[in-house]
């Protein structure tokens, strides 16, 4: 509906900004990370946007990066996670850190975010792990995993299947070398 807004900042706080567009002041709710990366009052800004409608109230959320917007979209799709909680998550952690915590099922990182308890963290992992894993660039994976996945892909495996196999082996066994990891992974095929 509204993919982005572009205009002059007329008011800015850590969690919202008013952008003047064609004589209208549009309030956009933003995470602190976006607030820190955009300009100050009087300067121009372009924010990627996401609209929510709740109880007949329209709210506009803005993000400095596509990664922030996409994580927000994923988070609000999780049962029990509203826009305020999603903004808090984006304000308290980096997108990459949060996504890695979900994929690696790192409860400590997830529950360290204000308002995220063990039940909510488990729900987020259950509902988003596969979607995030599919979209997670191989560059964000630790080196031994990345090299093992690349090796399996060169042997003809699909990247998602290779990642799944490597992660299964690493959960089951303590492996220190790339060769050992690939051998163990191929044994399980």
Protein backbone atom coordinates (compact mmCIF):
# COMPACT_ATOMS: atom_id res chain seq x y z
CA UNK A 1 0.00 0.00 0.00
CA UNK A 2 2.61 2.56 1.10
CA UNK A 3 6.06 1.14 0.40
CA UNK A 4 8.04 4.15 1.62
CA UNK A 5 7.77 7.78 2.68
CA UNK A 6 10.21 10.46 1.62
CA UNK A 7 10.26 14.01 2.89
CA UNK A 8 11.61 16.41 5.50
CA UNK A 9 11.84 15.51 9.19
CA UNK A 10 9.82 18.05 11.18
CA UNK A 11 9.89 16.24 14.52
CA UNK A 12 12.04 13.36 15.74
CA UNK A 13 12.08 11.27 18.92
CA UNK A 14 13.82 7.94 19.57
CA UNK A 15 10.66 5.99 18.66
CA UNK A 16 8.86 8.15 16.11
CA UNK A 17 9.36 10.76 13.45
CA UNK A 18 7.02 13.18 11.69
CA UNK A 19 7.82 13.48 8.01
CA UNK A 20 6.40 16.39 5.98
CA UNK A 21 5.20 15.24 2.59
CA UNK A 22 3.36 17.67 0.32
CA UNK A 23 2.10 19.80 3.19
CA UNK A 24 1.05 16.85 5.36
CA UNK A 25 2.84 15.70 8.52
CA UNK A 26 2.96 11.90 8.57
CA UNK A 27 3.78 10.25 11.92
CA UNK A 28 5.93 7.15 11.50
CA UNK A 29 6.77 4.83 14.40
CA UNK A 30 10.39 3.70 14.21
CA UNK A 31 12.82 1.48 16.14
CA UNK A 32 15.72 3.16 17.94
CA UNK A 33 18.14 1.68 15.39
CA UNK A 34 16.39 3.62 12.63
CA UNK A 35 16.26 6.78 14.73
CA UNK A 36 20.02 6.60 15.19
CA UNK A 37 20.71 6.11 11.48
CA UNK A 38 18.52 8.86 9.98
CA UNK A 39 19.13 12.60 9.95
CA UNK A 40 17.88 15.29 12.31
CA UNK A 41 14.94 17.69 12.19
CA UNK A 42 15.00 19.78 9.02
CA UNK A 43 16.84 17.12 7.01
CA UNK A 44 15.45 14.81 4.35
CA UNK A 45 14.63 11.18 5.01
CA UNK A 46 13.37 8.09 3.19
CA UNK A 47 11.83 5.33 5.30
CA UNK A 48 10.63 1.92 4.14
CA UNK A 49 7.17 1.48 5.63
CA UNK A 50 4.77 -1.12 6.94
CA UNK A 51 1.13 -0.37 7.83
CA UNK A 52 -0.90 -2.09 10.53
CA UNK A 53 -4.61 -1.73 11.21
CA UNK A 54 -5.81 -2.67 14.67
CA UNK A 55 -9.17 -1.72 16.19
CA UNK A 56 -9.81 0.57 13.23
CA UNK A 57 -6.58 2.46 14.00
CA UNK A 58 -4.03 2.85 11.22
CA UNK A 59 -0.35 2.87 12.25
CA UNK A 60 2.63 3.46 10.02
CA UNK A 61 6.02 1.94 10.89
CA UNK A 62 9.25 3.01 9.20
CA UNK A 63 12.66 1.44 8.79
CA UNK A 64 16.03 2.58 7.53
CA UNK A 65 16.84 -0.82 5.96
CA UNK A 66 14.97 -3.56 4.16
CA UNK A 67 16.35 -6.11 6.68
CA UNK A 68 14.66 -4.23 9.55
CA UNK A 69 11.37 -4.02 7.65
CA UNK A 70 11.42 -7.71 6.76
CA UNK A 71 12.18 -8.80 10.33
CA UNK A 72 9.36 -6.56 11.59
CA UNK A 73 6.98 -8.18 9.05
CA UNK A 74 8.04 -11.65 10.20
CA UNK A 75 7.71 -10.77 13.88
CA UNK A 76 4.19 -9.35 13.65
CA UNK A 77 3.12 -12.55 11.87
CA UNK A 78 3.96 -14.53 15.04
CA UNK A 79 0.95 -15.15 17.27
CA UNK A 80 1.16 -12.92 20.34
CA UNK A 81 3.80 -10.55 18.92
CA UNK A 82 2.40 -7.12 18.23
CA UNK A 83 3.94 -4.12 16.54
CA UNK A 84 5.17 -2.63 19.84
CA UNK A 85 7.02 -5.81 20.78
CA UNK A 86 8.46 -6.10 17.27
CA UNK A 87 9.73 -2.50 17.49
CA UNK A 88 11.25 -3.23 20.91
CA UNK A 89 13.09 -6.24 19.49
CA UNK A 90 14.47 -4.14 16.63
CA UNK A 91 15.42 -1.40 19.10
CA UNK A 92 17.30 -3.73 21.44
CA UNK A 93 19.18 -6.01 19.05
CA UNK A 94 20.69 -6.09 15.58
CA UNK A 95 18.71 -7.92 12.89
CA UNK A 96 21.60 -10.32 12.24
CA UNK A 97 22.05 -11.10 15.94
CA UNK A 98 18.34 -11.78 16.42
CA UNK A 99 18.07 -13.97 13.32
CA UNK A 100 21.14 -15.97 14.31
CA UNK A 101 19.67 -16.47 17.80
CA UNK A 102 16.42 -17.78 16.30
CA UNK A 103 18.17 -20.17 13.90
CA UNK A 104 20.59 -21.43 16.56
CA UNK A 105 17.81 -21.60 19.19
CA UNK A 106 19.77 -19.33 21.52
CA UNK A 107 17.27 -18.84 24.36
CA UNK A 108 19.65 -16.62 26.37
CA UNK A 109 19.90 -14.02 23.61
CA UNK A 110 16.17 -14.04 22.90
CA UNK A 111 15.07 -13.83 26.54
CA UNK A 112 17.56 -11.02 27.21
CA UNK A 113 15.26 -8.76 25.15
CA UNK A 114 12.84 -6.85 27.39
CA UNK A 115 9.38 -8.44 27.24
CA UNK A 116 10.49 -11.73 25.66
CA UNK A 117 10.10 -14.62 28.07
CA UNK A 118 10.82 -18.32 27.48
CA UNK A 119 7.34 -19.07 26.07
CA UNK A 120 7.47 -16.18 23.60
CA UNK A 121 11.04 -17.05 22.60
CA UNK A 122 9.99 -20.66 21.90
CA UNK A 123 7.02 -19.46 19.84
CA UNK A 124 9.26 -17.14 17.81
CA UNK A 125 11.74 -19.95 17.17
CA UNK A 126 8.97 -22.39 16.25
CA UNK A 127 7.24 -20.01 13.83
CA UNK A 128 10.23 -18.22 12.28
CA UNK A 129 13.23 -20.57 12.37
CA UNK A 130 12.69 -22.16 8.95
CA UNK A 131 11.72 -18.89 7.24
CA UNK A 132 14.77 -17.10 8.62
CA UNK A 133 17.05 -20.04 7.86
CA UNK A 134 15.89 -20.02 4.22
CA UNK A 135 16.64 -16.30 3.89
CA UNK A 136 19.82 -16.25 5.99
CA UNK A 137 22.81 -15.47 3.78
CA UNK A 138 25.57 -18.05 3.97
CA UNK A 139 27.98 -15.22 4.94
CA UNK A 140 26.32 -14.99 8.37
CA UNK A 141 27.01 -18.62 9.20
CA UNK A 142 30.12 -19.50 11.27
CA UNK A 143 33.16 -20.45 9.08
CA UNK A 144 33.21 -24.22 9.71
CA UNK A 145 29.48 -24.47 8.94
CA UNK A 146 29.83 -22.26 5.86
CA UNK A 147 32.72 -24.31 4.46
CA UNK A 148 30.92 -27.60 5.13
CA UNK A 149 27.74 -26.33 3.48
CA UNK A 150 29.71 -25.08 0.48
CA UNK A 151 31.43 -28.45 0.21
CA UNK A 152 28.12 -30.32 0.26
CA UNK A 153 26.63 -27.94 -2.31
CA UNK A 154 29.60 -28.65 -4.60
CA UNK A 155 28.76 -32.36 -4.19
CA UNK A 156 25.24 -31.69 -5.50
CA UNK A 157 23.21 -31.00 -2.35
CA UNK A 158 20.75 -28.07 -2.26
CA UNK A 159 21.95 -25.30 0.08
CA UNK A 160 19.00 -25.62 2.47
CA UNK A 161 19.38 -29.42 2.72
CA UNK A 162 23.15 -29.09 3.22
CA UNK A 163 22.62 -26.52 5.99
CA UNK A 164 20.06 -28.78 7.68
CA UNK A 165 22.39 -31.82 7.57
CA UNK A 166 25.39 -29.89 8.91
CA UNK A 167 23.37 -28.37 11.74
CA UNK A 168 21.99 -31.77 12.73
CA UNK A 169 25.50 -33.25 12.98
CA UNK A 170 26.80 -30.25 14.97
CA UNK A 171 23.94 -30.60 17.46
CA UNK A 172 24.67 -34.27 17.98
CA UNK A 173 28.48 -34.26 18.13
CA UNK A 174 31.42 -32.04 19.08
CA UNK A 175 33.38 -31.67 15.85
CA UNK A 176 36.54 -29.61 15.45
CA UNK A 177 37.65 -30.03 11.83
CA UNK A 178 35.99 -29.42 8.50
CA UNK A 179 36.93 -32.87 7.18
CA UNK A 180 35.39 -34.58 10.20
CA UNK A 181 32.22 -32.48 9.86
CA UNK A 182 31.77 -33.36 6.18
CA UNK A 183 32.44 -37.10 6.84
CA UNK A 184 29.91 -37.19 9.69
CA UNK A 185 27.37 -35.31 7.60
CA UNK A 186 27.73 -37.70 4.67
CA UNK A 187 27.37 -40.72 7.01
CA UNK A 188 23.93 -39.46 8.00
CA UNK A 189 22.69 -39.19 4.40
